Amino acid sequence: MKHRVVVLISGSGTNLQAIIDAVQAKPSPLPSVALVRVVSNRKDAYGLVRAEKANIPTQYFPLKPFTQRGETREQYDAALADSIAELEPDLIVLAGWMHILSLVFLDRYANKVINLHPALPGQFDGAHAIERAFQAAQEGAINHSGVMVHHVIPEVDRGSVILQQEVPILKEDTLEAFETRVHATEHKILVQAISKVLVGTISPHAL
């Protein structure tokens, strides 16, 4: 029996692609995972194309119709939770999902929602973490940042950490060079974290 995983995205889906590649690899670091749906809140998110190419069902679930009806974010979260419920997910992965989920959603899937964030615990929470870390390095405040995967709670990027890894910021780095190194770390650590959560260990093929 494979673990059923839903991935929520808002953008290009490079981290989604890392998961897809891991599932399809032989040998696979995620042999017991089935990607049962990719959900995006943005219609033009390229991650939807990546999912379709991999024959993964997709869903566009925008916020705007809810706000136009005068409904709240909590009502949106409840409807999103309802739409996923039929899939009976074992894990929901936020891979570049740009909405903050409320307890209406998180309580429905307690301990089943994880998020990838391009910073270390307690540093650069929220948006633009890579750019903020690079700027701090330019000012001489830090010489490294990192990547973490954590359980999701209402407080942004404050849930318990599953895995984390430092990423150095080199003196000669451009923002683009540092960003490339962060993304490479993201792709690896996200697959490792999914393996750890679902199987209880990191697959040797995920290293």
Protein backbone atom coordinates (compact mmCIF):
# COMPACT_ATOMS: atom_id res chain seq x y z
CA MET A 1 0.00 0.00 0.00
CA LYS A 2 1.48 3.31 -1.08
CA HIS A 3 1.32 6.49 0.98
CA ARG A 4 -1.01 9.00 -0.64
CA VAL A 5 0.57 12.45 -1.03
CA VAL A 6 -1.03 15.72 -2.11
CA VAL A 7 1.23 18.63 -3.11
CA LEU A 8 0.11 22.26 -2.90
CA ILE A 9 1.91 24.80 -5.12
CA SER A 10 1.62 28.40 -6.31
CA GLY A 11 4.42 28.73 -8.83
CA SER A 12 6.88 27.04 -11.16
CA GLY A 13 6.98 23.80 -9.21
CA THR A 14 10.70 23.02 -9.17
CA ASN A 15 10.36 21.37 -5.77
CA LEU A 16 7.33 19.46 -7.04
CA GLN A 17 9.54 18.27 -9.92
CA ALA A 18 12.10 17.02 -7.41
CA ILE A 19 9.37 14.92 -5.76
CA ILE A 20 8.13 13.64 -9.12
CA ASP A 21 11.67 12.71 -10.16
CA ALA A 22 12.24 10.91 -6.86
CA VAL A 23 9.03 8.90 -7.19
CA GLN A 24 9.88 7.92 -10.78
CA ALA A 25 13.55 7.13 -10.17
CA LYS A 26 14.86 3.57 -10.21
CA PRO A 27 15.73 2.82 -7.51
CA SER A 28 13.41 5.36 -5.97
CA PRO A 29 14.02 7.15 -2.66
CA LEU A 30 10.22 7.29 -2.38
CA PRO A 31 9.08 3.86 -3.61
CA SER A 32 6.07 3.82 -1.28
CA VAL A 33 4.66 7.20 -2.39
CA ALA A 34 1.79 7.89 -4.78
CA LEU A 35 1.26 11.51 -5.83
CA VAL A 36 -2.52 11.64 -5.95
CA ARG A 37 -3.07 15.34 -6.75
CA VAL A 38 -1.30 18.64 -7.27
CA VAL A 39 -3.33 21.69 -6.21
CA SER A 40 -2.54 25.27 -7.19
CA ASN A 41 -4.16 28.55 -6.19
CA ARG A 42 -2.80 30.11 -9.40
CA LYS A 43 -4.09 29.04 -12.79
CA ASP A 44 -0.85 29.84 -14.64
CA ALA A 45 1.44 28.01 -12.20
CA TYR A 46 3.86 25.97 -14.28
CA GLY A 47 3.80 23.30 -11.60
CA LEU A 48 0.41 22.26 -13.00
CA VAL A 49 2.07 21.56 -16.34
CA ARG A 50 4.76 19.51 -14.62
CA ALA A 51 2.06 17.45 -12.89
CA GLU A 52 0.11 16.89 -16.09
CA LYS A 53 3.26 15.73 -17.88
CA ALA A 54 3.72 13.17 -15.10
CA ASN A 55 0.06 12.08 -15.34
CA ILE A 56 -0.75 13.41 -11.87
CA PRO A 57 -4.30 14.78 -11.40
CA THR A 58 -4.37 18.56 -10.94
CA GLN A 59 -6.74 21.04 -9.35
CA TYR A 60 -6.96 24.82 -9.65
CA PHE A 61 -8.41 26.20 -6.42
CA PRO A 62 -8.37 30.03 -6.42
CA LEU A 63 -9.13 32.33 -3.50
CA LYS A 64 -10.68 35.11 -5.56
CA PRO A 65 -14.18 33.57 -6.00
CA PHE A 66 -14.42 33.30 -2.22
CA THR A 67 -13.42 36.91 -1.59
CA GLN A 68 -15.77 38.11 -4.33
CA ARG A 69 -18.61 36.41 -2.48
CA GLY A 70 -17.53 38.10 0.73
CA GLU A 71 -16.36 34.83 2.25
CA THR A 72 -13.41 34.54 4.63
CA ARG A 73 -10.05 32.87 4.33
CA GLU A 74 -11.29 30.30 6.85
CA GLN A 75 -14.15 29.44 4.51
CA TYR A 76 -11.67 29.04 1.68
CA ASP A 77 -9.51 26.78 3.85
CA ALA A 78 -12.54 24.68 4.81
CA ALA A 79 -13.52 24.23 1.17
CA LEU A 80 -9.95 23.35 0.22
CA ALA A 81 -9.85 20.77 3.01
CA ASP A 82 -13.15 19.32 1.82
CA SER A 83 -11.90 19.06 -1.77
CA ILE A 84 -8.84 17.09 -0.66
CA ALA A 85 -10.68 14.84 1.79
CA GLU A 86 -11.87 12.42 -0.88
CA LEU A 87 -8.24 11.56 -1.58
CA GLU A 88 -7.62 10.40 1.99
CA PRO A 89 -4.09 11.85 1.98
CA ASP A 90 -1.40 10.51 4.27
CA LEU A 91 0.66 13.67 3.76
CA ILE A 92 0.11 17.16 2.34
CA VAL A 93 3.29 18.88 1.13
CA LEU A 94 3.43 22.65 0.74
CA ALA A 95 6.02 23.18 -2.00
CA GLY A 96 5.89 26.88 -2.74
CA TRP A 97 2.28 27.31 -1.59
CA MET A 98 1.81 31.02 -0.97
CA HIS A 99 -1.24 30.99 1.30
CA ILE A 100 -1.04 30.82 5.09
CA LEU A 101 -3.31 27.96 6.14
CA SER A 102 -5.55 28.50 9.15
CA LEU A 103 -6.49 26.02 11.87
CA VAL A 104 -9.67 25.25 9.92
CA PHE A 105 -7.44 23.36 7.47
CA LEU A 106 -4.62 22.31 9.79
CA ASP A 107 -6.88 20.77 12.43
CA ARG A 108 -8.51 18.70 9.70
CA TYR A 109 -5.13 17.24 8.76
CA ALA A 110 -3.30 17.33 12.08
CA ASN A 111 0.39 16.37 11.77
CA LYS A 112 -0.09 15.65 8.06
CA VAL A 113 0.97 19.01 6.61
CA ILE A 114 4.63 19.86 6.02
CA ASN A 115 6.30 22.89 4.44
CA LEU A 116 9.60 23.63 2.78
CA HIS A 117 11.20 26.96 3.74
CA PRO A 118 14.51 28.35 2.41
CA ALA A 119 15.93 29.43 5.77
CA LEU A 120 16.96 27.93 9.08
CA PRO A 121 14.58 27.76 12.07
CA GLY A 122 13.86 31.18 13.52
CA GLN A 123 15.65 33.04 10.74
CA PHE A 124 14.01 34.88 7.86
CA ASP A 125 10.49 33.58 8.42
CA GLY A 126 7.99 34.39 5.69
CA ALA A 127 8.50 35.64 2.15
CA HIS A 128 11.72 36.52 0.31
CA ALA A 129 13.89 34.56 2.74
CA ILE A 130 16.67 33.95 0.20
CA GLU A 131 16.98 37.61 -0.74
CA ARG A 132 16.89 38.70 2.90
CA ALA A 133 19.60 36.21 3.87
CA PHE A 134 21.80 37.33 0.98
CA GLN A 135 21.39 40.96 1.98
CA ALA A 136 22.31 40.12 5.57
CA ALA A 137 25.46 38.41 4.30
CA GLN A 138 26.34 41.45 2.20
CA GLU A 139 26.11 43.51 5.38
CA GLY A 140 28.42 41.10 7.18
CA ALA A 141 25.78 39.84 9.61
CA ILE A 142 25.85 36.15 8.56
CA ASN A 143 27.94 33.79 6.42
CA HIS A 144 25.34 31.08 5.87
CA SER A 145 21.63 30.47 5.67
CA GLY A 146 19.89 27.17 5.02
CA VAL A 147 16.80 25.17 4.24
CA MET A 148 14.32 23.41 6.49
CA VAL A 149 11.25 21.23 6.23
CA HIS A 150 8.84 21.58 9.13
CA HIS A 151 5.38 20.65 10.31
CA VAL A 152 2.90 23.43 9.60
CA ILE A 153 1.22 25.45 12.36
CA PRO A 154 -0.64 28.78 12.06
CA GLU A 155 2.52 30.71 12.97
CA VAL A 156 4.46 31.09 9.72
CA ASP A 157 7.54 28.86 9.48
CA ARG A 158 7.48 28.09 13.22
CA GLY A 159 6.40 24.44 13.29
CA SER A 160 8.60 21.64 14.58
CA VAL A 161 11.52 20.94 12.28
CA ILE A 162 11.77 17.62 10.45
CA LEU A 163 15.09 18.26 8.68
CA GLN A 164 17.36 21.23 8.18
CA GLN A 165 20.61 21.90 6.36
CA GLU A 166 22.94 24.89 6.25
CA VAL A 167 23.81 26.55 2.95
CA PRO A 168 26.97 28.70 2.93
CA ILE A 169 26.95 32.22 1.50
CA LEU A 170 30.30 32.73 -0.19
CA LYS A 171 32.04 36.09 -0.45
CA GLU A 172 32.07 35.86 -4.23
CA ASP A 173 28.41 34.83 -4.47
CA THR A 174 25.89 36.68 -6.55
CA LEU A 175 22.28 36.40 -5.43
CA GLU A 176 21.66 34.07 -8.37
CA ALA A 177 24.55 31.76 -7.42
CA PHE A 178 23.40 31.58 -3.81
CA GLU A 179 19.80 31.02 -4.88
CA THR A 180 20.84 28.15 -7.15
CA ARG A 181 22.65 26.45 -4.26
CA VAL A 182 19.63 26.93 -1.98
CA HIS A 183 17.29 25.38 -4.54
CA ALA A 184 19.57 22.37 -5.01
CA THR A 185 19.49 21.86 -1.25
CA GLU A 186 15.70 22.27 -1.20
CA HIS A 187 15.24 19.53 -3.79
CA LYS A 188 17.32 17.06 -1.78
CA ILE A 189 16.05 17.85 1.71
CA LEU A 190 12.37 17.84 0.71
CA VAL A 191 12.60 14.29 -0.64
CA GLN A 192 14.51 13.23 2.48
CA ALA A 193 11.88 14.77 4.74
CA ILE A 194 8.99 13.08 2.95
CA SER A 195 10.78 9.75 3.35
CA LYS A 196 11.44 10.44 7.01
CA VAL A 197 7.83 11.41 7.78
CA LEU A 198 6.19 8.54 5.89
CA VAL A 199 8.68 5.73 6.41
CA GLY A 200 10.37 6.88 9.59
CA THR A 201 13.81 7.01 8.02
CA ILE A 202 15.68 8.66 5.16
CA SER A 203 16.03 6.39 2.16
CA PRO A 204 19.69 5.77 1.22
CA HIS A 205 18.70 6.65 -2.34
CA ALA A 206 17.63 10.14 -1.19
CA LEU A 207 21.16 11.16 -0.25
